[in-house]
Amino acid sequence: MLRSLFSAISGLRANQTMLDVTGNNIANANTVGFKASDVVFQDTLSQMLSAASAPNSTVPTGGTNPMQVGLGVQVGAITTNFNQGSEESTGRPTNLMISGDGFFILHRGNQELYTRAGAFEFDDAWNLVSPDGDIVQGYPSDGNGGINTGAAPTSISLKNYVANPPGAAAGSDPLISYNIGSDGVITGIYQSGAKEPLFQIAMAGFANPAGLEKVGDTAFRTSANAKQADIGVPGSGLRGQLVAGSLEASNVDLAKEFTNLIIAQRGFQATSRVITTSDQVLEDLVNIKR
């Protein structure tokens, strides 16, 4: 059977994968915090027809190069592009954008997930949650006007502060508002005008964020090649600053994606034509004797 048939089949599969990835990127062009993926092709094994030979000075002859026939293409990698998306101002104080590297930390049951999508809000129990109900993690107040960043991150909830503000009898000085700074500190504002830091949003940084696994809902989890999270406060280490009242838009470049769509489509068509041509050659061989 002709090698070109099998090479062309591998080309169909690879270009179909590129179409799938490109289609998913385009579908998520308006998804908050979405990171586009890129497909990398690489060739497969090559069949050796003739090995290389070295020059021979005894019997003056030159060297020859190897002769090989490639056996197709394969998808070498599907990588996530973590370039910064543009800022979309919403005016909502609980909408947060990371300016720089890093991820928000979410708890979903017993899972710890990471996301760039900061479309958060407080639920009925005053938990700071994602649209799917995952609770945002942060460092609690130390009770003395500071944040206990030495503690393990915990679920951010203002329930206790609304019911019983620090240093005040229940209901004597109710929490009436809050704001979130670029350092992630959630400051409570009381009826008396007093201000108290309540939580500081925790963030995670990774040396190899491209090694994270996508789990849906614009969230990621660790993998064998990105398992060590550098957890700390915004603006330090591998963690950027926060912008309150804004969201990070998808980093999908539609011009690039439509170009990739054309390239993948033409690649698919070309390899289909190779199959047609190889079939015609086989038909000619079968019909040699009639």
C-alpha atoms as a PDB file:
ATOM      1  CA  MET A   1       0.000   0.000   0.000  1.00  0.00           C
ATOM      2  CA  LEU A   2       1.245   3.510  -0.758  1.00  0.00           C
ATOM      3  CA  ARG A   3       2.928   5.383   2.102  1.00  0.00           C
ATOM      4  CA  SER A   4       1.245   8.565   0.925  1.00  0.00           C
ATOM      5  CA  LEU A   5      -2.166   7.193   1.952  1.00  0.00           C
ATOM      6  CA  PHE A   6      -1.166   6.790   5.581  1.00  0.00           C
ATOM      7  CA  SER A   7       0.719  10.101   5.613  1.00  0.00           C
ATOM      8  CA  ALA A   8      -2.378  11.840   4.269  1.00  0.00           C
ATOM      9  CA  ILE A   9      -4.593  10.184   6.898  1.00  0.00           C
ATOM     10  CA  SER A  10      -2.332  11.530   9.636  1.00  0.00           C
ATOM     11  CA  GLY A  11      -2.612  14.953   8.005  1.00  0.00           C
ATOM     12  CA  LEU A  12      -6.410  14.746   8.095  1.00  0.00           C
ATOM     13  CA  ARG A  13      -6.343  13.924  11.790  1.00  0.00           C
ATOM     14  CA  ALA A  14      -3.858  16.672  12.661  1.00  0.00           C
ATOM     15  CA  ASN A  15      -5.709  19.359  10.707  1.00  0.00           C
ATOM     16  CA  GLN A  16      -9.013  18.221  12.214  1.00  0.00           C
ATOM     17  CA  THR A  17      -7.493  18.741  15.661  1.00  0.00           C
ATOM     18  CA  MET A  18      -6.378  22.214  14.623  1.00  0.00           C
ATOM     19  CA  LEU A  19      -9.926  22.955  13.440  1.00  0.00           C
ATOM     20  CA  ASP A  20     -11.314  21.722  16.771  1.00  0.00           C
ATOM     21  CA  VAL A  21      -8.948  23.918  18.801  1.00  0.00           C
ATOM     22  CA  THR A  22      -9.549  26.955  16.588  1.00  0.00           C
ATOM     23  CA  GLY A  23     -13.317  26.463  16.782  1.00  0.00           C
ATOM     24  CA  ASN A  24     -13.146  26.339  20.586  1.00  0.00           C
ATOM     25  CA  ASN A  25     -11.053  29.520  20.669  1.00  0.00           C
ATOM     26  CA  ILE A  26     -13.529  31.384  18.471  1.00  0.00           C
ATOM     27  CA  ALA A  27     -16.473  30.109  20.552  1.00  0.00           C
ATOM     28  CA  ASN A  28     -14.818  31.583  23.673  1.00  0.00           C
ATOM     29  CA  ALA A  29     -13.924  34.955  22.167  1.00  0.00           C
ATOM     30  CA  ASN A  30     -16.232  36.649  24.702  1.00  0.00           C
ATOM     31  CA  THR A  31     -15.548  34.370  27.705  1.00  0.00           C
ATOM     32  CA  VAL A  32     -14.178  36.279  30.688  1.00  0.00           C
ATOM     33  CA  GLY A  33     -10.657  35.203  31.606  1.00  0.00           C
ATOM     34  CA  PHE A  34     -10.436  32.631  28.795  1.00  0.00           C
ATOM     35  CA  LYS A  35      -6.981  31.699  27.523  1.00  0.00           C
ATOM     36  CA  ALA A  36      -6.666  30.588  23.906  1.00  0.00           C
ATOM     37  CA  SER A  37      -4.845  27.433  22.846  1.00  0.00           C
ATOM     38  CA  ASP A  38      -2.349  26.905  20.028  1.00  0.00           C
ATOM     39  CA  VAL A  39      -1.647  23.685  18.111  1.00  0.00           C
ATOM     40  CA  VAL A  40       1.917  22.632  17.299  1.00  0.00           C
ATOM     41  CA  PHE A  41       2.501  20.025  14.589  1.00  0.00           C
ATOM     42  CA  GLN A  42       5.542  17.788  14.281  1.00  0.00           C
ATOM     43  CA  ASP A  43       6.528  15.079  11.848  1.00  0.00           C
ATOM     44  CA  THR A  44       6.378  11.398  12.770  1.00  0.00           C
ATOM     45  CA  LEU A  45       8.964   8.719  12.029  1.00  0.00           C
ATOM     46  CA  SER A  46      10.838   8.765   8.724  1.00  0.00           C
ATOM     47  CA  GLN A  47      11.666   5.601   6.812  1.00  0.00           C
ATOM     48  CA  MET A  48      15.353   5.243   5.959  1.00  0.00           C
ATOM     49  CA  LEU A  49      15.916   4.436   2.282  1.00  0.00           C
ATOM     50  CA  SER A  50      19.665   4.989   2.314  1.00  0.00           C
ATOM     51  CA  ALA A  51      21.949   5.754   5.231  1.00  0.00           C
ATOM     52  CA  ALA A  52      24.570   8.491   5.168  1.00  0.00           C
ATOM     53  CA  SER A  53      28.165   7.656   4.335  1.00  0.00           C
ATOM     54  CA  ALA A  54      31.329   9.465   5.394  1.00  0.00           C
ATOM     55  CA  PRO A  55      33.923  10.839   2.979  1.00  0.00           C
ATOM     56  CA  ASN A  56      36.769   8.375   2.228  1.00  0.00           C
ATOM     57  CA  SER A  57      40.240   9.904   1.820  1.00  0.00           C
ATOM     58  CA  THR A  58      41.897   6.574   0.960  1.00  0.00           C
ATOM     59  CA  VAL A  59      39.744   6.031  -2.062  1.00  0.00           C
ATOM     60  CA  PRO A  60      38.805   9.612  -2.824  1.00  0.00           C
ATOM     61  CA  THR A  61      35.033   9.672  -2.572  1.00  0.00           C
ATOM     62  CA  GLY A  62      32.716  12.194  -1.077  1.00  0.00           C
ATOM     63  CA  GLY A  63      30.170  11.586   1.637  1.00  0.00           C
ATOM     64  CA  THR A  64      26.505  11.042   0.925  1.00  0.00           C
ATOM     65  CA  ASN A  65      23.510  12.296   2.828  1.00  0.00           C
ATOM     66  CA  PRO A  66      20.785  10.023   4.177  1.00  0.00           C
ATOM     67  CA  MET A  67      17.644   9.473   2.110  1.00  0.00           C
ATOM     68  CA  GLN A  68      14.456   9.295   4.139  1.00  0.00           C
ATOM     69  CA  VAL A  69      10.746   9.367   3.425  1.00  0.00           C
ATOM     70  CA  GLY A  70       8.499  10.905   6.051  1.00  0.00           C
ATOM     71  CA  LEU A  71       5.546   8.929   7.302  1.00  0.00           C
ATOM     72  CA  GLY A  72       3.178  11.728   8.226  1.00  0.00           C
ATOM     73  CA  VAL A  73       2.407  14.352  10.836  1.00  0.00           C
ATOM     74  CA  GLN A  74       1.203  14.348  14.412  1.00  0.00           C
ATOM     75  CA  VAL A  75       0.067  16.908  16.978  1.00  0.00           C
ATOM     76  CA  GLY A  76       3.134  17.641  19.066  1.00  0.00           C
ATOM     77  CA  ALA A  77       1.465  19.964  21.591  1.00  0.00           C
ATOM     78  CA  ILE A  78      -1.655  21.956  22.349  1.00  0.00           C
ATOM     79  CA  THR A  79      -0.403  24.846  24.454  1.00  0.00           C
ATOM     80  CA  THR A  80      -2.360  27.451  26.412  1.00  0.00           C
ATOM     81  CA  ASN A  81      -1.536  31.082  25.682  1.00  0.00           C
ATOM     82  CA  PHE A  82      -1.463  33.022  28.977  1.00  0.00           C
ATOM     83  CA  ASN A  83      -0.933  36.479  27.483  1.00  0.00           C
ATOM     84  CA  GLN A  84      -2.849  39.207  29.292  1.00  0.00           C
ATOM     85  CA  GLY A  85      -6.374  39.901  28.059  1.00  0.00           C
ATOM     86  CA  SER A  86      -7.704  43.439  27.762  1.00  0.00           C
ATOM     87  CA  GLU A  87      -9.520  45.220  30.592  1.00  0.00           C
ATOM     88  CA  GLU A  88     -13.304  45.400  30.598  1.00  0.00           C
ATOM     89  CA  SER A  89     -14.635  47.930  33.084  1.00  0.00           C
ATOM     90  CA  THR A  90     -17.861  46.847  34.815  1.00  0.00           C
ATOM     91  CA  GLY A  91     -18.036  49.153  37.831  1.00  0.00           C
ATOM     92  CA  ARG A  92     -18.986  46.252  40.120  1.00  0.00           C
ATOM     93  CA  PRO A  93     -16.743  46.270  43.206  1.00  0.00           C
ATOM     94  CA  THR A  94     -16.557  42.473  43.389  1.00  0.00           C
ATOM     95  CA  ASN A  95     -15.437  42.113  39.768  1.00  0.00           C
ATOM     96  CA  LEU A  96     -11.672  41.674  39.850  1.00  0.00           C
ATOM     97  CA  MET A  97      -9.015  41.589  37.156  1.00  0.00           C
ATOM     98  CA  ILE A  98      -5.458  40.376  37.614  1.00  0.00           C
ATOM     99  CA  SER A  99      -2.999  42.798  36.031  1.00  0.00           C
ATOM    100  CA  GLY A 100      -0.005  40.539  35.527  1.00  0.00           C
ATOM    101  CA  ASP A 101       0.549  36.884  36.289  1.00  0.00           C
ATOM    102  CA  GLY A 102      -1.193  34.627  38.797  1.00  0.00           C
ATOM    103  CA  PHE A 103      -4.576  33.074  39.520  1.00  0.00           C
ATOM    104  CA  PHE A 104      -7.422  33.416  41.990  1.00  0.00           C
ATOM    105  CA  ILE A 105      -7.823  30.384  44.270  1.00  0.00           C
ATOM    106  CA  LEU A 106     -11.250  28.718  44.458  1.00  0.00           C
ATOM    107  CA  HIS A 107     -12.587  25.888  46.606  1.00  0.00           C
ATOM    108  CA  ARG A 108     -15.097  23.534  45.022  1.00  0.00           C
ATOM    109  CA  GLY A 109     -15.912  20.813  47.545  1.00  0.00           C
ATOM    110  CA  ASN A 110     -12.563  19.193  48.285  1.00  0.00           C
ATOM    111  CA  GLN A 111     -10.921  20.560  45.138  1.00  0.00           C
ATOM    112  CA  GLU A 112      -8.659  23.579  44.889  1.00  0.00           C
ATOM    113  CA  LEU A 113      -9.051  25.283  41.515  1.00  0.00           C
ATOM    114  CA  TYR A 114      -7.435  28.308  39.907  1.00  0.00           C
ATOM    115  CA  THR A 115      -8.947  30.901  37.596  1.00  0.00           C
ATOM    116  CA  ARG A 116      -8.310  34.226  35.888  1.00  0.00           C
ATOM    117  CA  ALA A 117     -12.040  34.988  35.659  1.00  0.00           C
ATOM    118  CA  GLY A 118     -12.810  37.386  38.505  1.00  0.00           C
ATOM    119  CA  ALA A 119     -16.592  37.730  38.058  1.00  0.00           C
ATOM    120  CA  PHE A 120     -17.229  37.294  41.783  1.00  0.00           C
ATOM    121  CA  GLU A 121     -20.099  38.303  44.036  1.00  0.00           C
ATOM    122  CA  PHE A 122     -21.296  37.759  47.588  1.00  0.00           C
ATOM    123  CA  ASP A 123     -23.970  35.111  48.056  1.00  0.00           C
ATOM    124  CA  ASP A 124     -26.785  35.078  50.619  1.00  0.00           C
ATOM    125  CA  ALA A 125     -24.396  33.847  53.324  1.00  0.00           C
ATOM    126  CA  TRP A 126     -21.885  36.623  52.476  1.00  0.00           C
ATOM    127  CA  ASN A 127     -19.415  34.192  50.884  1.00  0.00           C
ATOM    128  CA  LEU A 128     -17.385  35.631  48.012  1.00  0.00           C
ATOM    129  CA  VAL A 129     -18.128  33.182  45.190  1.00  0.00           C
ATOM    130  CA  SER A 130     -17.656  32.588  41.482  1.00  0.00           C
ATOM    131  CA  PRO A 131     -20.706  32.287  39.179  1.00  0.00           C
ATOM    132  CA  ASP A 132     -20.598  28.501  39.828  1.00  0.00           C
ATOM    133  CA  GLY A 133     -20.633  28.883  43.612  1.00  0.00           C
ATOM    134  CA  ASP A 134     -16.927  28.159  44.140  1.00  0.00           C
ATOM    135  CA  ILE A 135     -15.686  30.091  47.181  1.00  0.00           C
ATOM    136  CA  VAL A 136     -12.785  32.530  46.758  1.00  0.00           C
ATOM    137  CA  GLN A 137      -9.879  31.983  49.148  1.00  0.00           C
ATOM    138  CA  GLY A 138      -8.049  34.631  51.164  1.00  0.00           C
ATOM    139  CA  TYR A 139      -6.170  35.500  54.338  1.00  0.00           C
ATOM    140  CA  PRO A 140      -8.263  36.485  57.408  1.00  0.00           C
ATOM    141  CA  SER A 141      -7.925  39.511  59.644  1.00  0.00           C
ATOM    142  CA  ASP A 142      -5.600  39.171  62.628  1.00  0.00           C
ATOM    143  CA  GLY A 143      -8.068  41.102  64.810  1.00  0.00           C
ATOM    144  CA  ASN A 144      -5.594  43.930  65.379  1.00  0.00           C
ATOM    145  CA  GLY A 145      -6.068  45.969  62.256  1.00  0.00           C
ATOM    146  CA  GLY A 146      -3.932  43.745  60.047  1.00  0.00           C
ATOM    147  CA  ILE A 147      -4.079  40.608  57.911  1.00  0.00           C
ATOM    148  CA  ASN A 148      -2.742  37.257  59.062  1.00  0.00           C
ATOM    149  CA  THR A 149      -0.833  36.298  55.907  1.00  0.00           C
ATOM    150  CA  GLY A 150       0.988  33.594  57.847  1.00  0.00           C
ATOM    151  CA  ALA A 151      -2.192  31.559  58.110  1.00  0.00           C
ATOM    152  CA  ALA A 152      -3.420  29.147  55.459  1.00  0.00           C
ATOM    153  CA  PRO A 153      -5.887  30.752  53.026  1.00  0.00           C
ATOM    154  CA  THR A 154      -9.491  30.227  53.999  1.00  0.00           C
ATOM    155  CA  SER A 155     -12.906  30.873  52.446  1.00  0.00           C
ATOM    156  CA  ILE A 156     -13.746  34.564  52.289  1.00  0.00           C
ATOM    157  CA  SER A 157     -16.972  35.285  54.144  1.00  0.00           C
ATOM    158  CA  LEU A 158     -18.190  38.550  55.688  1.00  0.00           C
ATOM    159  CA  LYS A 159     -21.004  36.858  57.604  1.00  0.00           C
ATOM    160  CA  ASN A 160     -19.378  37.225  61.030  1.00  0.00           C
ATOM    161  CA  TYR A 161     -18.479  40.840  60.412  1.00  0.00           C
ATOM    162  CA  VAL A 162     -21.983  41.744  59.369  1.00  0.00           C
ATOM    163  CA  ALA A 163     -23.414  40.028  62.454  1.00  0.00           C
ATOM    164  CA  ASN A 164     -20.762  41.111  64.939  1.00  0.00           C
ATOM    165  CA  PRO A 165     -18.204  43.713  63.820  1.00  0.00           C
ATOM    166  CA  PRO A 166     -14.726  43.414  65.434  1.00  0.00           C
ATOM    167  CA  GLY A 167     -14.528  45.235  68.745  1.00  0.00           C
ATOM    168  CA  ALA A 168     -18.222  46.130  68.825  1.00  0.00           C
ATOM    169  CA  ALA A 169     -21.372  44.648  70.293  1.00  0.00           C
ATOM    170  CA  ALA A 170     -23.615  42.851  67.818  1.00  0.00           C
ATOM    171  CA  GLY A 171     -25.596  45.382  65.802  1.00  0.00           C
ATOM    172  CA  SER A 172     -24.092  48.449  67.533  1.00  0.00           C
ATOM    173  CA  ASP A 173     -21.980  49.444  64.521  1.00  0.00           C
ATOM    174  CA  PRO A 174     -23.154  47.503  61.467  1.00  0.00           C
ATOM    175  CA  LEU A 175     -21.037  46.939  58.389  1.00  0.00           C
ATOM    176  CA  ILE A 176     -22.533  49.122  55.662  1.00  0.00           C
ATOM    177  CA  SER A 177     -20.001  48.857  52.845  1.00  0.00           C
ATOM    178  CA  TYR A 178     -16.637  47.499  51.733  1.00  0.00           C
ATOM    179  CA  ASN A 179     -13.987  48.083  49.110  1.00  0.00           C
ATOM    180  CA  ILE A 180     -11.267  45.948  47.544  1.00  0.00           C
ATOM    181  CA  GLY A 181      -7.820  47.432  46.962  1.00  0.00           C
ATOM    182  CA  SER A 182      -5.207  46.588  44.345  1.00  0.00           C
ATOM    183  CA  ASP A 183      -3.436  44.534  47.017  1.00  0.00           C
ATOM    184  CA  GLY A 184      -6.554  42.403  47.444  1.00  0.00           C
ATOM    185  CA  VAL A 185      -7.402  43.715  50.910  1.00  0.00           C
ATOM    186  CA  ILE A 186     -11.158  43.800  51.562  1.00  0.00           C
ATOM    187  CA  THR A 187     -11.764  46.752  53.869  1.00  0.00           C
ATOM    188  CA  GLY A 188     -15.032  46.912  55.805  1.00  0.00           C
ATOM    189  CA  ILE A 189     -16.667  50.290  56.357  1.00  0.00           C
ATOM    190  CA  TYR A 190     -18.938  50.617  59.394  1.00  0.00           C
ATOM    191  CA  GLN A 191     -21.806  52.959  60.146  1.00  0.00           C
ATOM    192  CA  SER A 192     -19.629  54.936  62.529  1.00  0.00           C
ATOM    193  CA  GLY A 193     -17.117  55.576  59.757  1.00  0.00           C
ATOM    194  CA  ALA A 194     -14.592  53.118  61.155  1.00  0.00           C
ATOM    195  CA  LYS A 195     -12.653  51.027  58.647  1.00  0.00           C
ATOM    196  CA  GLU A 196     -11.248  47.550  59.275  1.00  0.00           C
ATOM    197  CA  PRO A 197      -9.305  45.157  56.992  1.00  0.00           C
ATOM    198  CA  LEU A 198     -11.340  41.948  56.961  1.00  0.00           C
ATOM    199  CA  PHE A 199      -9.652  39.692  54.393  1.00  0.00           C
ATOM    200  CA  GLN A 200      -6.937  39.770  51.776  1.00  0.00           C
ATOM    201  CA  ILE A 201      -7.530  37.807  48.597  1.00  0.00           C
ATOM    202  CA  ALA A 202      -4.951  35.056  48.115  1.00  0.00           C
ATOM    203  CA  MET A 203      -3.401  34.323  44.738  1.00  0.00           C
ATOM    204  CA  ALA A 204      -1.377  31.480  43.258  1.00  0.00           C
ATOM    205  CA  GLY A 205       1.528  31.698  40.864  1.00  0.00           C
ATOM    206  CA  PHE A 206       3.083  28.898  38.825  1.00  0.00           C
ATOM    207  CA  ALA A 207       6.516  28.594  37.244  1.00  0.00           C
ATOM    208  CA  ASN A 208       4.841  26.754  34.334  1.00  0.00           C
ATOM    209  CA  PRO A 209       1.206  27.889  34.058  1.00  0.00           C
ATOM    210  CA  ALA A 210       0.942  26.205  30.637  1.00  0.00           C
ATOM    211  CA  GLY A 211       1.175  22.883  32.495  1.00  0.00           C
ATOM    212  CA  LEU A 212      -2.181  23.450  34.250  1.00  0.00           C
ATOM    213  CA  GLU A 213      -5.189  21.380  33.173  1.00  0.00           C
ATOM    214  CA  LYS A 214      -8.411  23.042  32.046  1.00  0.00           C
ATOM    215  CA  VAL A 215     -11.421  21.677  33.954  1.00  0.00           C
ATOM    216  CA  GLY A 216     -14.190  23.823  32.498  1.00  0.00           C
ATOM    217  CA  ASP A 217     -15.903  26.895  33.969  1.00  0.00           C
ATOM    218  CA  THR A 218     -12.744  28.845  32.976  1.00  0.00           C
ATOM    219  CA  ALA A 219     -10.858  27.112  35.789  1.00  0.00           C
ATOM    220  CA  PHE A 220      -7.646  25.128  36.013  1.00  0.00           C
ATOM    221  CA  ARG A 221      -6.159  22.507  38.318  1.00  0.00           C
ATOM    222  CA  THR A 222      -2.620  21.365  38.935  1.00  0.00           C
ATOM    223  CA  SER A 223      -0.910  18.644  36.939  1.00  0.00           C
ATOM    224  CA  ALA A 224       2.319  16.668  37.145  1.00  0.00           C
ATOM    225  CA  ASN A 225       4.110  19.491  35.289  1.00  0.00           C
ATOM    226  CA  ALA A 226       2.509  22.364  37.227  1.00  0.00           C
ATOM    227  CA  LYS A 227       1.865  21.059  40.711  1.00  0.00           C
ATOM    228  CA  GLN A 228       3.721  23.536  42.896  1.00  0.00           C
ATOM    229  CA  ALA A 229       1.599  26.645  43.485  1.00  0.00           C
ATOM    230  CA  ASP A 230       3.342  29.713  44.897  1.00  0.00           C
ATOM    231  CA  ILE A 231       0.554  31.049  47.126  1.00  0.00           C
ATOM    232  CA  GLY A 232       0.707  34.558  48.544  1.00  0.00           C
ATOM    233  CA  VAL A 233      -0.719  38.058  48.309  1.00  0.00           C
ATOM    234  CA  PRO A 234      -1.252  40.085  45.116  1.00  0.00           C
ATOM    235  CA  GLY A 235       1.695  42.119  43.889  1.00  0.00           C
ATOM    236  CA  SER A 236       4.420  39.752  45.087  1.00  0.00           C
ATOM    237  CA  GLY A 237       6.356  36.902  43.514  1.00  0.00           C
ATOM    238  CA  LEU A 238       4.593  35.458  40.472  1.00  0.00           C
ATOM    239  CA  ARG A 239       1.393  37.336  41.309  1.00  0.00           C
ATOM    240  CA  GLY A 240       0.106  40.540  39.722  1.00  0.00           C
ATOM    241  CA  GLN A 241      -1.927  43.411  41.156  1.00  0.00           C
ATOM    242  CA  LEU A 242      -5.727  43.458  41.225  1.00  0.00           C
ATOM    243  CA  VAL A 243      -8.006  45.918  39.469  1.00  0.00           C
ATOM    244  CA  ALA A 244     -11.396  46.196  41.165  1.00  0.00           C
ATOM    245  CA  GLY A 245     -14.463  46.952  39.073  1.00  0.00           C
ATOM    246  CA  SER A 246     -12.979  45.341  35.961  1.00  0.00           C
ATOM    247  CA  LEU A 247     -12.741  41.929  34.306  1.00  0.00           C
ATOM    248  CA  GLU A 248     -10.080  40.400  32.085  1.00  0.00           C
ATOM    249  CA  ALA A 249     -11.424  39.777  28.586  1.00  0.00           C
ATOM    250  CA  SER A 250     -10.626  36.662  26.588  1.00  0.00           C
ATOM    251  CA  ASN A 251      -7.204  36.835  24.930  1.00  0.00           C
ATOM    252  CA  VAL A 252      -8.513  35.237  21.724  1.00  0.00           C
ATOM    253  CA  ASP A 253      -7.243  37.125  18.650  1.00  0.00           C
ATOM    254  CA  LEU A 254     -10.018  36.661  16.102  1.00  0.00           C
ATOM    255  CA  ALA A 255      -7.848  37.744  13.163  1.00  0.00           C
ATOM    256  CA  LYS A 256      -5.309  35.072  14.061  1.00  0.00           C
ATOM    257  CA  GLU A 257      -8.000  32.449  14.666  1.00  0.00           C
ATOM    258  CA  PHE A 258      -9.709  33.028  11.315  1.00  0.00           C
ATOM    259  CA  THR A 259      -6.307  32.779   9.628  1.00  0.00           C
ATOM    260  CA  ASN A 260      -5.689  29.486  11.446  1.00  0.00           C
ATOM    261  CA  LEU A 261      -9.148  28.354  10.360  1.00  0.00           C
ATOM    262  CA  ILE A 262      -8.240  28.917   6.713  1.00  0.00           C
ATOM    263  CA  ILE A 263      -4.854  27.216   7.133  1.00  0.00           C
ATOM    264  CA  ALA A 264      -6.421  24.172   8.796  1.00  0.00           C
ATOM    265  CA  GLN A 265      -9.180  23.987   6.187  1.00  0.00           C
ATOM    266  CA  ARG A 266      -6.717  24.161   3.295  1.00  0.00           C
ATOM    267  CA  GLY A 267      -4.448  21.630   4.990  1.00  0.00           C
ATOM    268  CA  PHE A 268      -7.398  19.277   5.330  1.00  0.00           C
ATOM    269  CA  GLN A 269      -8.359  19.783   1.694  1.00  0.00           C
ATOM    270  CA  ALA A 270      -4.781  19.231   0.483  1.00  0.00           C
ATOM    271  CA  THR A 271      -4.353  15.977   2.394  1.00  0.00           C
ATOM    272  CA  SER A 272      -7.748  14.836   1.115  1.00  0.00           C
ATOM    273  CA  ARG A 273      -6.471  15.417  -2.402  1.00  0.00           C
ATOM    274  CA  VAL A 274      -3.385  13.289  -1.625  1.00  0.00           C
ATOM    275  CA  ILE A 275      -5.714  10.407  -0.691  1.00  0.00           C
ATOM    276  CA  THR A 276      -7.664  10.875  -3.933  1.00  0.00           C
ATOM    277  CA  THR A 277      -4.466  10.922  -6.002  1.00  0.00           C
ATOM    278  CA  SER A 278      -3.049   7.865  -4.211  1.00  0.00           C
ATOM    279  CA  ASP A 279      -6.309   6.035  -4.854  1.00  0.00           C
ATOM    280  CA  GLN A 280      -6.060   6.877  -8.552  1.00  0.00           C
ATOM    281  CA  VAL A 281      -2.500   5.520  -8.641  1.00  0.00           C
ATOM    282  CA  LEU A 282      -3.662   2.281  -7.017  1.00  0.00           C
ATOM    283  CA  GLU A 283      -6.510   2.037  -9.521  1.00  0.00           C
ATOM    284  CA  ASP A 284      -4.034   2.448 -12.398  1.00  0.00           C
ATOM    285  CA  LEU A 285      -1.891  -0.344 -10.924  1.00  0.00           C
ATOM    286  CA  VAL A 286      -4.878  -2.676 -10.620  1.00  0.00           C
ATOM    287  CA  ASN A 287      -5.889  -1.901 -14.197  1.00  0.00           C
ATOM    288  CA  ILE A 288      -2.427  -2.476 -15.742  1.00  0.00           C
ATOM    289  CA  LYS A 289      -3.506  -5.896 -16.935  1.00  0.00           C
ATOM    290  CA  ARG A 290      -6.923  -6.107 -18.490  1.00  0.00           C
END
